[in-house]
Amino acid sequence: MGKLFIVATPIGNLNDITYRAIETLKNVDTVLAEDTRHSKKLFTNFEISTPLIAFHEHNERDKTQAIISDLNSGASIALITDAGTPLISDPGYFLVSNAKKEGIEVIPIPGPSAIITALSVSGLASNSFSFFGFLPSKKIARIKYLQNKADFNETIIFYESPKRILATLTDMLEVFGSERMVCLAKELTKSFETILTDRIPSLIEYLTIDVAHQKGEFVLLISSANKADLTDAKNQLGKILPILCAEMGASKAAKLAAKITGIDKKYCYNKAIEL
């Protein structure tokens, strides 16, 4: 019976590949690649001549059974993605799951991962974190999704595309408020690598000051909610908001309450109009 190797490849800098990864890719019978054109650059650089087969989200289910048959016949096969560790927001779960069911040995060849790379330099808590892949592309769904994560007492991590990064940070400002610390990490290990950990308004300013700052592949890391402080702030809001609303309109009261408590203005306004 053959073996299935899950091989991590560089997320940018080709020198980050491991000796073991190169050896594995040279010695297997076939390499499954998310984009063969992209992977050929890696193969050329390290003089790897193993045949490449396209294996991506659109054909994974169709090709898995044939790959399992090859493995059962004794073939050794490696799976790579365009960058980083396979299966992390990339194809491969269906194949690995079925290979395990068949009793085929699945061997990890560890290496780069954008999530861990960003977390290690973010300055945010790394003892407990959750990764949620890409956020919803539609604004309403994205805000609802973020709201469900707002009170998480751990670092939360997302991927985001350049075309949505500004909109996503704007939505995060609405949901998390202006005080939450966020790390924006883009183009990791590449020439224009940028890692900024700051409050959301400052990151929005960075993105808008130059449209070129919105280009690249992004990892977003959001600091954990300070539940004690948040509870105290909401208790304070509950006491002062009725008093403010009795003296002024809901909009003005919400704006003042937001300044006093540090809670997002829109949240304060929604509470004001409920009174």
Protein backbone atom coordinates (compact mmCIF):
# COMPACT_ATOMS: atom_id res chain seq x y z
CA MET A 1 0.00 0.00 0.00
CA GLY A 2 1.26 3.47 -0.88
CA LYS A 3 1.54 6.47 1.36
CA LEU A 4 -0.04 9.93 1.13
CA PHE A 5 2.25 12.81 2.10
CA ILE A 6 0.80 16.19 3.10
CA VAL A 7 3.60 18.60 2.25
CA ALA A 8 3.79 22.23 3.39
CA THR A 9 5.36 24.63 0.87
CA PRO A 10 6.56 28.25 1.23
CA ILE A 11 4.00 31.03 1.66
CA GLY A 12 6.30 33.47 -0.11
CA ASN A 13 10.03 33.12 0.34
CA LEU A 14 11.11 29.91 -1.43
CA ASN A 15 14.00 29.47 1.02
CA ASP A 16 11.46 28.57 3.71
CA ILE A 17 10.92 25.11 2.24
CA THR A 18 12.38 22.26 4.30
CA TYR A 19 14.96 19.73 3.14
CA ARG A 20 12.48 16.99 3.98
CA ALA A 21 9.80 18.58 1.81
CA ILE A 22 12.15 18.75 -1.19
CA GLU A 23 13.25 15.15 -0.68
CA THR A 24 9.65 13.97 -0.40
CA LEU A 25 8.52 15.82 -3.53
CA LYS A 26 11.42 14.34 -5.49
CA ASN A 27 10.82 10.77 -4.37
CA VAL A 28 7.04 10.33 -4.61
CA ASP A 29 5.42 9.00 -7.79
CA THR A 30 3.01 11.90 -8.21
CA VAL A 31 2.34 15.32 -6.72
CA LEU A 32 -1.19 16.70 -6.46
CA ALA A 33 -1.08 20.48 -6.82
CA GLU A 34 -3.78 23.11 -6.42
CA ASP A 35 -2.42 25.05 -9.43
CA THR A 36 0.19 23.17 -11.46
CA ARG A 37 1.36 26.36 -13.17
CA HIS A 38 2.11 27.95 -9.82
CA SER A 39 3.81 24.82 -8.48
CA LYS A 40 6.05 24.48 -11.54
CA LYS A 41 7.92 27.58 -10.39
CA LEU A 42 8.72 25.85 -7.10
CA PHE A 43 9.65 22.63 -8.89
CA THR A 44 11.94 24.42 -11.33
CA ASN A 45 13.71 26.27 -8.55
CA PHE A 46 14.53 23.06 -6.67
CA GLU A 47 14.96 20.80 -9.75
CA ILE A 48 12.00 18.59 -8.90
CA SER A 49 10.83 16.56 -11.91
CA THR A 50 8.00 14.56 -10.35
CA PRO A 51 4.77 14.65 -12.43
CA LEU A 52 2.20 17.20 -11.30
CA ILE A 53 -1.56 16.60 -11.36
CA ALA A 54 -4.13 19.35 -10.83
CA PHE A 55 -6.10 18.79 -7.62
CA HIS A 56 -8.33 21.62 -6.42
CA GLU A 57 -11.71 22.38 -4.85
CA HIS A 58 -13.54 21.88 -8.15
CA ASN A 59 -12.26 18.36 -8.86
CA GLU A 60 -11.32 16.95 -5.44
CA ARG A 61 -14.40 14.75 -5.06
CA ASP A 62 -14.21 13.50 -8.65
CA LYS A 63 -10.53 12.55 -8.41
CA THR A 64 -10.34 11.18 -4.88
CA GLN A 65 -11.44 7.62 -5.66
CA ALA A 66 -8.90 7.24 -8.45
CA ILE A 67 -6.17 8.58 -6.16
CA ILE A 68 -7.22 6.15 -3.41
CA SER A 69 -7.00 3.31 -5.95
CA ASP A 70 -3.47 4.38 -6.93
CA LEU A 71 -2.46 4.50 -3.27
CA ASN A 72 -3.94 1.05 -2.68
CA SER A 73 -1.90 -0.17 -5.65
CA GLY A 74 1.33 0.99 -4.01
CA ALA A 75 1.83 4.49 -5.44
CA SER A 76 3.31 7.18 -3.21
CA ILE A 77 1.58 10.54 -3.62
CA ALA A 78 2.19 14.01 -2.20
CA LEU A 79 -0.39 16.75 -1.79
CA ILE A 80 0.65 20.40 -1.91
CA THR A 81 -1.24 23.67 -2.05
CA ASP A 82 -0.27 26.94 -3.71
CA ALA A 83 1.30 28.14 -0.46
CA GLY A 84 1.52 26.93 3.10
CA THR A 85 0.10 23.83 4.73
CA PRO A 86 -2.54 21.88 2.76
CA LEU A 87 -6.12 21.62 4.07
CA ILE A 88 -5.90 24.96 5.93
CA SER A 89 -8.57 26.82 3.90
CA ASP A 90 -7.37 24.73 0.94
CA PRO A 91 -8.42 21.45 -0.73
CA GLY A 92 -7.54 18.06 0.70
CA TYR A 93 -9.95 17.26 3.53
CA PHE A 94 -12.11 14.91 1.45
CA LEU A 95 -9.04 13.03 0.17
CA VAL A 96 -7.36 12.71 3.57
CA SER A 97 -10.60 11.67 5.24
CA ASN A 98 -11.18 8.90 2.71
CA ALA A 99 -7.55 7.78 2.78
CA LYS A 100 -7.76 7.37 6.56
CA LYS A 101 -10.95 5.33 6.20
CA GLU A 102 -9.13 3.04 3.76
CA GLY A 103 -6.31 2.51 6.24
CA ILE A 104 -3.80 4.38 4.07
CA GLU A 105 -0.95 5.98 5.97
CA VAL A 106 -1.10 9.79 5.79
CA ILE A 107 2.22 11.44 6.64
CA PRO A 108 2.61 15.16 7.47
CA ILE A 109 5.65 17.02 6.17
CA PRO A 110 5.35 20.20 8.28
CA GLY A 111 6.41 23.65 7.25
CA PRO A 112 5.09 27.19 6.72
CA SER A 113 1.60 28.29 7.73
CA ALA A 114 0.37 31.86 7.35
CA ILE A 115 -1.77 31.57 10.47
CA ILE A 116 1.06 30.58 12.80
CA THR A 117 3.53 32.92 11.10
CA ALA A 118 1.25 35.90 11.68
CA LEU A 119 0.31 34.89 15.22
CA SER A 120 3.95 34.52 16.27
CA VAL A 121 4.74 38.17 15.48
CA SER A 122 1.36 39.81 16.15
CA GLY A 123 1.97 40.69 19.78
CA LEU A 124 -1.49 39.28 20.59
CA ALA A 125 -2.14 36.42 22.99
CA SER A 126 -1.06 33.10 21.46
CA ASN A 127 -1.95 30.71 24.29
CA SER A 128 -5.49 30.33 22.98
CA PHE A 129 -6.79 31.17 19.52
CA SER A 130 -9.33 30.15 16.88
CA PHE A 131 -9.04 30.27 13.10
CA PHE A 132 -12.16 30.75 10.98
CA GLY A 133 -10.84 30.92 7.41
CA PHE A 134 -12.32 33.55 5.11
CA LEU A 135 -15.14 35.81 6.29
CA PRO A 136 -18.45 35.95 4.38
CA SER A 137 -18.23 38.14 1.29
CA LYS A 138 -21.57 39.92 1.85
CA LYS A 139 -21.68 42.78 4.36
CA ILE A 140 -24.79 41.70 6.33
CA ALA A 141 -23.56 38.12 6.68
CA ARG A 142 -20.07 39.32 7.58
CA ILE A 143 -21.30 41.64 10.34
CA LYS A 144 -23.51 38.92 11.81
CA TYR A 145 -20.58 36.49 11.71
CA LEU A 146 -18.31 38.98 13.48
CA GLN A 147 -20.97 39.73 16.09
CA ASN A 148 -21.06 36.04 16.97
CA LYS A 149 -17.31 36.19 17.67
CA ALA A 150 -17.20 39.57 19.44
CA ASP A 151 -17.12 38.18 22.98
CA PHE A 152 -14.57 35.41 22.36
CA ASN A 153 -12.00 35.43 25.15
CA GLU A 154 -9.16 34.41 22.82
CA THR A 155 -7.38 35.68 19.71
CA ILE A 156 -9.45 35.09 16.58
CA ILE A 157 -7.90 34.80 13.14
CA PHE A 158 -9.27 35.25 9.61
CA TYR A 159 -7.98 35.36 6.07
CA GLU A 160 -9.19 38.20 3.83
CA SER A 161 -8.86 39.14 0.18
CA PRO A 162 -7.48 42.50 -1.00
CA LYS A 163 -10.79 43.51 -2.57
CA ARG A 164 -12.62 43.19 0.78
CA ILE A 165 -9.98 44.12 3.34
CA LEU A 166 -11.11 47.74 3.78
CA ALA A 167 -14.79 46.82 4.01
CA THR A 168 -13.99 44.09 6.52
CA LEU A 169 -12.03 46.40 8.81
CA THR A 170 -14.85 48.96 8.57
CA ASP A 171 -17.30 46.26 9.68
CA MET A 172 -14.93 45.24 12.47
CA LEU A 173 -14.91 48.82 13.72
CA GLU A 174 -18.70 48.72 13.88
CA VAL A 175 -18.77 45.39 15.72
CA PHE A 176 -15.69 45.52 17.95
CA GLY A 177 -15.44 49.26 18.53
CA SER A 178 -12.38 51.49 18.30
CA GLU A 179 -10.34 50.11 21.20
CA ARG A 180 -9.87 46.48 20.13
CA MET A 181 -6.33 45.67 19.01
CA VAL A 182 -5.99 44.03 15.60
CA CYS A 183 -2.97 42.74 13.72
CA LEU A 184 -2.99 43.18 9.96
CA ALA A 185 -0.37 40.91 8.37
CA LYS A 186 0.02 40.90 4.61
CA GLU A 187 2.39 39.42 2.03
CA LEU A 188 4.11 37.37 4.72
CA THR A 189 7.74 36.43 3.89
CA LYS A 190 7.50 38.34 0.60
CA SER A 191 9.23 41.55 -0.50
CA PHE A 192 6.41 43.82 0.69
CA GLU A 193 5.71 42.02 3.96
CA THR A 194 3.77 44.28 6.33
CA ILE A 195 2.80 43.48 9.92
CA LEU A 196 0.89 46.15 11.84
CA THR A 197 -0.71 45.71 15.25
CA ASP A 198 -2.86 48.68 16.18
CA ARG A 199 -6.40 49.81 16.88
CA ILE A 200 -8.83 49.46 13.99
CA PRO A 201 -9.13 53.19 13.09
CA SER A 202 -5.36 53.40 12.61
CA LEU A 203 -5.38 50.32 10.36
CA ILE A 204 -8.22 51.79 8.29
CA GLU A 205 -6.18 54.97 7.93
CA TYR A 206 -3.19 52.91 6.74
CA LEU A 207 -5.32 51.18 4.09
CA THR A 208 -6.92 54.38 2.79
CA ILE A 209 -3.85 56.60 2.71
CA ASP A 210 -2.49 54.61 -0.24
CA VAL A 211 -4.57 52.20 -2.35
CA ALA A 212 -1.46 50.06 -2.80
CA HIS A 213 -1.72 49.19 0.89
CA GLN A 214 -4.88 47.23 0.08
CA LYS A 215 -3.03 44.83 -2.22
CA GLY A 216 -1.76 41.45 -1.11
CA GLU A 217 -2.85 38.40 0.86
CA PHE A 218 -4.06 39.30 4.34
CA VAL A 219 -4.24 37.59 7.72
CA LEU A 220 -6.32 39.43 10.34
CA LEU A 221 -5.87 38.70 14.03
CA ILE A 222 -8.25 40.24 16.58
CA SER A 223 -7.39 40.47 20.27
CA SER A 224 -9.60 38.73 22.78
CA ALA A 225 -12.51 40.51 24.38
CA ASN A 226 -11.85 41.75 27.88
CA LYS A 227 -15.09 40.42 29.32
CA ALA A 228 -14.73 42.10 32.71
CA ASP A 229 -14.18 45.52 31.15
CA LEU A 230 -16.96 44.95 28.62
CA THR A 231 -19.42 43.96 31.33
CA ASP A 232 -18.54 47.01 33.41
CA ALA A 233 -18.91 49.29 30.37
CA LYS A 234 -22.33 47.85 29.50
CA ASN A 235 -23.48 48.22 33.10
CA GLN A 236 -22.33 51.83 33.02
CA LEU A 237 -24.15 52.36 29.73
CA GLY A 238 -27.36 51.00 31.22
CA LYS A 239 -27.19 53.60 34.00
CA ILE A 240 -26.24 56.72 32.04
CA LEU A 241 -28.09 56.21 28.74
CA PRO A 242 -31.64 56.76 30.12
CA ILE A 243 -30.43 59.97 31.81
CA LEU A 244 -28.80 61.23 28.61
CA CYS A 245 -31.83 60.34 26.48
CA ALA A 246 -34.06 62.30 28.83
CA GLU A 247 -32.02 65.42 28.10
CA MET A 248 -31.24 65.05 24.37
CA GLY A 249 -31.99 63.09 21.21
CA ALA A 250 -30.99 59.44 20.79
CA SER A 251 -28.20 60.18 18.32
CA LYS A 252 -26.52 62.80 20.49
CA ALA A 253 -27.02 60.70 23.62
CA ALA A 254 -25.46 57.66 21.94
CA LYS A 255 -22.45 59.66 20.78
CA LEU A 256 -21.84 61.00 24.29
CA ALA A 257 -22.41 57.58 25.88
CA ALA A 258 -19.91 56.03 23.49
CA LYS A 259 -17.26 58.55 24.55
CA ILE A 260 -17.91 57.90 28.23
CA THR A 261 -18.04 54.08 28.11
CA GLY A 262 -15.79 53.26 25.15
CA ILE A 263 -18.58 51.16 23.63
CA ASP A 264 -19.21 51.43 19.90
CA LYS A 265 -21.50 54.36 19.00
CA LYS A 266 -23.85 52.24 16.86
CA TYR A 267 -24.38 49.81 19.74
CA CYS A 268 -25.16 52.74 22.02
CA TYR A 269 -27.58 54.19 19.48
CA ASN A 270 -29.42 50.89 19.08
CA LYS A 271 -29.81 50.72 22.86
CA ALA A 272 -30.97 54.35 22.96
CA ILE A 273 -33.79 53.83 20.49
CA GLU A 274 -34.97 50.81 22.48
CA LEU A 275 -35.63 53.01 25.53
